[in-house]
Amino acid sequence: MKKALSLLAIVALSMGTVNAYAQEDTAATEVVDSSATETMDSAAASMDSAVVEEEATEEVVEEVAVATEDKAFTQILKEKFIEGGAFFMSFVLLALVLGLALVIERILYLTFAQTNTEKLLSEVEGALNNGGIDAAKEVCRNTRGPVATIFFEGLDHYDEGLDMVDKSIMSVGSVENGKLEKGVSWISLFIALAPMLGFMGTVIGMIGAFDAIEAAGDINPSLVAGGIKVALLTTVFGLITAIILQIFYNLIVAMIDGIVIKMEDASISFLDLLVEYKKKNS
């Protein structure tokens, strides 16, 4: 009987120990599972926050890009011009305005100076054959342009001989050529002056930036960047002004060359016409 009770006590004790170990394993498993769940939840939350931040960053970049696209080029140019400072920028702007004024005046003058030389020669020849020198002079007087002026002066000296006609054509041609080139030298001056003013503003701006470094006693990029940006803007606008005026300057020079070539060709044809007229009437 005592042995049976002992065996039952041992079996009960063994089962209790097994149950305790099982409960401990279950608790440990639950702790591990809860830790893993918390880790996964925190990782998911971190990923969600990263995705949200990335989306917010993309939205900000898109908004900045849209805002930049919405700004017109003239608006950006205006803002940069204001940032460049009023002193040297005003001189660069003055050079641009005066240069463009001269360009417009020259282009209009050269446009009105264009003459259909073939038509004028035909009309002068017909007037000579039908009404003589006076009729040809009247045709030239009613025609606009330097070629008609040269023809008129040649006809006006016809009675003095063809040599005098040739000399008068050369003299009047030189005068008309000078009229065509009037003001062009001022345009070239503004082309050279605008970059110089820009470079001067750049040099003075750099001096101001180095003065700021010396006063601060330390090279701070934020302290220097503003002065350097302002300094370089003057150079940029000076170069833009020079480029614009240079393009129009080349256009004006090409127009003058074209008119001068027409004047020379028409003068030669006009002298030949007068020679033939003199032979007919001699």
Protein backbone atom coordinates (compact mmCIF):
# COMPACT_ATOMS: atom_id res chain seq x y z
CA MET A 1 0.00 0.00 0.00
CA LYS A 2 2.75 2.41 0.90
CA LYS A 3 4.58 1.53 -2.32
CA ALA A 4 1.47 2.25 -4.37
CA LEU A 5 1.04 5.64 -2.71
CA SER A 6 4.68 6.43 -3.36
CA LEU A 7 4.32 5.56 -7.03
CA LEU A 8 1.23 7.74 -7.33
CA ALA A 9 3.05 10.66 -5.70
CA ILE A 10 5.99 10.28 -8.07
CA VAL A 11 3.69 10.15 -11.11
CA ALA A 12 1.79 13.23 -9.94
CA LEU A 13 4.99 15.10 -9.32
CA SER A 14 6.28 14.18 -12.76
CA MET A 15 3.08 15.34 -14.45
CA GLY A 16 3.22 18.65 -12.55
CA THR A 17 6.77 19.22 -13.64
CA VAL A 18 5.86 18.45 -17.26
CA ASN A 19 2.90 20.81 -17.06
CA ALA A 20 5.12 23.56 -15.61
CA TYR A 21 7.65 23.14 -18.37
CA ALA A 22 4.86 23.16 -20.94
CA GLN A 23 3.43 26.35 -19.46
CA GLU A 24 6.88 27.95 -19.45
CA ASP A 25 7.42 26.96 -23.10
CA THR A 26 4.00 28.33 -24.01
CA ALA A 27 4.72 31.61 -22.22
CA ALA A 28 8.11 31.88 -23.91
CA THR A 29 6.54 31.18 -27.27
CA GLU A 30 3.91 33.83 -26.64
CA VAL A 31 6.60 36.32 -25.65
CA VAL A 32 8.60 35.55 -28.80
CA ASP A 33 5.49 35.80 -30.95
CA SER A 34 4.49 39.11 -29.39
CA SER A 35 8.02 40.46 -29.87
CA ALA A 36 8.06 39.35 -33.50
CA THR A 37 4.64 40.90 -34.03
CA GLU A 38 5.77 44.17 -32.48
CA THR A 39 8.93 44.14 -34.63
CA MET A 40 6.93 43.51 -37.79
CA ASP A 41 4.45 46.22 -36.84
CA SER A 42 7.24 48.73 -36.22
CA ALA A 43 8.93 47.78 -39.50
CA ALA A 44 5.64 48.19 -41.36
CA ALA A 45 5.09 51.56 -39.69
CA SER A 46 8.61 52.64 -40.66
CA MET A 47 8.02 51.58 -44.27
CA ASP A 48 4.70 53.40 -44.33
CA SER A 49 6.31 56.58 -42.98
CA ALA A 50 9.14 56.29 -45.51
CA VAL A 51 6.63 55.89 -48.34
CA VAL A 52 4.66 58.88 -47.07
CA GLU A 53 7.82 60.99 -46.83
CA GLU A 54 8.90 59.93 -50.33
CA GLU A 55 5.48 60.79 -51.74
CA ALA A 56 5.56 64.16 -49.95
CA THR A 57 9.04 64.83 -51.36
CA GLU A 58 7.88 63.94 -54.86
CA GLU A 59 4.88 66.22 -54.49
CA VAL A 60 7.12 69.09 -53.36
CA VAL A 61 9.49 68.51 -56.29
CA GLU A 62 6.57 68.40 -58.71
CA GLU A 63 5.13 71.60 -57.25
CA VAL A 64 8.51 73.34 -57.57
CA ALA A 65 8.85 72.11 -61.16
CA VAL A 66 5.35 73.29 -62.03
CA ALA A 67 6.01 76.66 -60.39
CA THR A 68 9.24 77.00 -62.35
CA GLU A 69 7.51 76.10 -65.62
CA ASP A 70 4.70 78.54 -64.90
CA LYS A 71 7.21 81.39 -64.59
CA ALA A 72 7.84 83.02 -67.90
CA PHE A 73 11.36 83.61 -69.14
CA THR A 74 10.87 87.35 -68.97
CA GLN A 75 9.78 87.07 -65.33
CA ILE A 76 12.90 85.08 -64.43
CA LEU A 77 15.02 87.57 -66.34
CA LYS A 78 13.40 90.44 -64.48
CA GLU A 79 14.02 88.81 -61.09
CA LYS A 80 17.67 88.15 -61.90
CA PHE A 81 18.07 91.69 -63.18
CA ILE A 82 16.76 93.07 -59.89
CA GLU A 83 19.04 90.74 -57.93
CA GLY A 84 22.05 92.04 -59.86
CA GLY A 85 21.88 95.47 -58.23
CA ALA A 86 20.62 98.80 -59.49
CA PHE A 87 23.91 100.64 -60.03
CA PHE A 88 25.75 98.66 -62.68
CA MET A 89 22.59 97.05 -64.04
CA SER A 90 21.24 100.52 -64.84
CA PHE A 91 24.32 101.26 -66.97
CA VAL A 92 24.00 97.94 -68.79
CA LEU A 93 20.29 98.62 -69.38
CA LEU A 94 21.11 102.10 -70.66
CA ALA A 95 23.62 100.67 -73.13
CA LEU A 96 20.99 98.18 -74.34
CA VAL A 97 18.27 100.83 -74.75
CA LEU A 98 20.50 103.31 -76.58
CA GLY A 99 21.95 100.58 -78.77
CA LEU A 100 18.51 99.28 -79.73
CA ALA A 101 17.32 102.83 -80.47
CA LEU A 102 20.21 103.28 -82.90
CA VAL A 103 19.58 99.85 -84.39
CA ILE A 104 15.91 100.64 -85.06
CA GLU A 105 16.79 104.01 -86.61
CA ARG A 106 19.42 102.46 -88.90
CA ILE A 107 17.21 99.59 -89.99
CA LEU A 108 14.39 101.97 -90.90
CA TYR A 109 16.76 104.30 -92.77
CA LEU A 110 18.38 101.46 -94.70
CA THR A 111 15.00 99.95 -95.51
CA PHE A 112 13.81 103.20 -97.06
CA ALA A 113 17.16 103.58 -98.84
CA GLN A 114 16.57 100.41 -100.85
CA THR A 115 15.99 101.12 -104.53
CA ASN A 116 15.09 98.96 -107.48
CA THR A 117 18.10 100.00 -109.57
CA GLU A 118 17.04 98.10 -112.68
CA LYS A 119 13.67 99.82 -112.74
CA LEU A 120 15.28 103.22 -112.10
CA LEU A 121 17.79 102.73 -114.92
CA SER A 122 14.99 101.75 -117.27
CA GLU A 123 12.96 104.84 -116.34
CA VAL A 124 16.00 107.13 -116.70
CA GLU A 125 16.81 105.64 -120.10
CA GLY A 126 13.24 106.15 -121.28
CA ALA A 127 13.23 109.73 -119.98
CA LEU A 128 16.52 110.48 -121.75
CA ASN A 129 15.23 109.13 -125.04
CA ASN A 130 11.91 110.96 -124.78
CA GLY A 131 12.57 114.19 -122.86
CA GLY A 132 16.32 114.56 -122.53
CA ILE A 133 18.38 115.42 -119.44
CA ASP A 134 15.67 117.46 -117.72
CA ALA A 135 13.15 114.63 -117.91
CA ALA A 136 15.71 112.17 -116.53
CA LYS A 137 16.51 114.58 -113.68
CA GLU A 138 12.83 114.81 -112.84
CA VAL A 139 12.61 111.01 -112.63
CA CYS A 140 15.58 110.92 -110.24
CA ARG A 141 14.17 113.78 -108.17
CA ASN A 142 10.93 111.84 -107.60
CA THR A 143 12.72 108.62 -106.63
CA ARG A 144 13.84 107.91 -103.10
CA GLY A 145 17.26 106.52 -102.18
CA PRO A 146 20.99 107.16 -102.57
CA VAL A 147 21.13 105.68 -106.07
CA ALA A 148 18.64 108.24 -107.37
CA THR A 149 20.64 111.01 -105.67
CA ILE A 150 23.82 109.87 -107.42
CA PHE A 151 22.04 109.75 -110.78
CA PHE A 152 20.64 113.25 -110.25
CA GLU A 153 24.08 114.70 -109.46
CA GLY A 154 25.55 112.99 -112.53
CA LEU A 155 22.83 114.38 -114.77
CA ASP A 156 23.26 117.81 -113.21
CA HIS A 157 26.94 117.87 -114.33
CA TYR A 158 26.31 116.36 -117.75
CA ASP A 159 26.97 119.62 -119.56
CA GLU A 160 30.46 119.76 -118.01
CA GLY A 161 31.56 116.49 -119.63
CA LEU A 162 31.58 112.81 -118.74
CA ASP A 163 34.77 113.17 -116.70
CA MET A 164 33.01 115.65 -114.45
CA VAL A 165 30.02 113.34 -114.26
CA ASP A 166 32.30 110.52 -113.11
CA LYS A 167 33.91 112.71 -110.44
CA SER A 168 30.56 113.94 -109.17
CA ILE A 169 29.26 110.37 -108.97
CA MET A 170 32.29 109.33 -106.91
CA SER A 171 31.97 112.34 -104.60
CA VAL A 172 28.25 111.94 -104.03
CA GLY A 173 28.70 108.17 -103.63
CA SER A 174 31.17 108.76 -100.79
CA VAL A 175 28.73 111.14 -99.11
CA GLU A 176 25.84 108.71 -99.44
CA ASN A 177 28.01 105.88 -98.13
CA GLY A 178 28.80 107.98 -95.06
CA LYS A 179 25.09 108.59 -94.54
CA LEU A 180 24.45 104.86 -94.66
CA GLU A 181 27.10 104.19 -92.00
CA LYS A 182 25.97 107.02 -89.74
CA GLY A 183 25.53 105.86 -86.14
CA VAL A 184 26.96 102.38 -86.76
CA SER A 185 30.13 103.22 -84.82
CA TRP A 186 27.97 104.06 -81.78
CA ILE A 187 26.38 100.62 -81.94
CA SER A 188 29.82 99.00 -81.95
CA LEU A 189 30.73 101.19 -78.96
CA PHE A 190 27.77 99.89 -76.94
CA ILE A 191 28.64 96.32 -77.97
CA ALA A 192 32.10 96.76 -76.46
CA LEU A 193 30.90 98.82 -73.49
CA ALA A 194 28.18 96.49 -72.17
CA PRO A 195 30.48 93.54 -71.29
CA MET A 196 33.01 95.96 -69.78
CA LEU A 197 30.36 97.36 -67.47
CA GLY A 198 29.35 93.81 -66.56
CA PHE A 199 32.94 92.82 -65.80
CA MET A 200 33.39 95.93 -63.71
CA GLY A 201 30.32 95.03 -61.67
CA THR A 202 31.69 91.52 -61.26
CA VAL A 203 35.06 92.74 -60.01
CA ILE A 204 33.47 95.17 -57.55
CA GLY A 205 31.10 92.44 -56.35
CA MET A 206 34.00 90.05 -55.78
CA ILE A 207 35.83 92.73 -53.82
CA GLY A 208 32.73 93.13 -51.64
CA ALA A 209 32.57 89.34 -51.11
CA PHE A 210 36.21 89.22 -50.00
CA ASP A 211 35.61 92.18 -47.69
CA ALA A 212 32.76 90.22 -46.09
CA ILE A 213 35.07 87.22 -45.62
CA GLU A 214 37.71 89.43 -44.03
CA ALA A 215 35.19 91.02 -41.69
CA ALA A 216 33.74 87.65 -40.65
CA GLY A 217 37.14 86.04 -40.21
CA ASP A 218 35.85 82.80 -41.67
CA ILE A 219 34.99 81.47 -45.12
CA ASN A 220 31.27 80.88 -44.84
CA PRO A 221 29.71 79.71 -48.13
CA SER A 222 26.39 81.40 -47.36
CA LEU A 223 28.25 84.64 -46.69
CA VAL A 224 30.15 84.57 -49.98
CA ALA A 225 27.58 83.00 -52.31
CA GLY A 226 25.24 85.99 -52.38
CA GLY A 227 27.97 88.48 -53.29
CA ILE A 228 29.42 86.22 -55.98
CA LYS A 229 25.97 85.60 -57.50
CA VAL A 230 25.26 89.32 -57.71
CA ALA A 231 28.71 89.91 -59.16
CA LEU A 232 28.24 87.32 -61.90
CA LEU A 233 24.76 88.54 -62.83
CA THR A 234 26.17 91.85 -64.05
CA THR A 235 28.51 89.97 -66.39
CA VAL A 236 25.66 87.79 -67.67
CA PHE A 237 23.46 90.76 -68.54
CA GLY A 238 26.39 92.62 -70.07
CA LEU A 239 27.09 89.65 -72.35
CA ILE A 240 23.39 89.31 -73.24
CA THR A 241 23.30 92.98 -74.21
CA ALA A 242 26.44 92.62 -76.34
CA ILE A 243 25.07 89.50 -78.09
CA ILE A 244 21.76 91.19 -78.95
CA LEU A 245 23.44 94.32 -80.31
CA GLN A 246 26.06 92.28 -82.19
CA ILE A 247 23.37 90.38 -84.07
CA PHE A 248 21.67 93.61 -85.18
CA TYR A 249 25.05 95.19 -85.97
CA ASN A 250 25.90 92.39 -88.39
CA LEU A 251 22.45 92.73 -89.97
CA ILE A 252 22.98 96.48 -90.48
CA VAL A 253 26.46 95.96 -91.94
CA ALA A 254 25.06 93.38 -94.36
CA MET A 255 22.31 95.81 -95.44
CA ILE A 256 24.86 98.60 -95.98
CA ASP A 257 27.11 96.33 -98.04
CA GLY A 258 24.17 95.30 -100.19
CA ILE A 259 23.17 98.92 -100.86
CA VAL A 260 26.77 99.97 -101.62
CA ILE A 261 27.19 97.14 -104.13
CA LYS A 262 23.96 98.17 -105.84
CA MET A 263 25.17 101.79 -105.90
CA GLU A 264 28.44 100.83 -107.57
CA ASP A 265 26.81 98.58 -110.17
CA ALA A 266 24.13 101.16 -110.92
CA SER A 267 26.73 103.92 -111.27
CA ILE A 268 28.66 101.93 -113.86
CA SER A 269 25.48 101.19 -115.81
CA PHE A 270 24.47 104.85 -115.54
CA LEU A 271 27.79 106.05 -117.01
CA ASP A 272 27.42 103.61 -119.89
CA LEU A 273 23.91 104.96 -120.45
CA LEU A 274 25.17 108.54 -120.60
CA VAL A 275 27.94 107.55 -123.03
CA GLU A 276 25.40 106.01 -125.38
CA TYR A 277 23.13 109.04 -125.02
CA LYS A 278 25.99 111.36 -125.89
CA LYS A 279 26.87 109.33 -128.98
CA LYS A 280 23.29 109.53 -130.19
CA ASN A 281 23.13 113.27 -129.72
CA SER A 282 26.59 114.19 -130.96
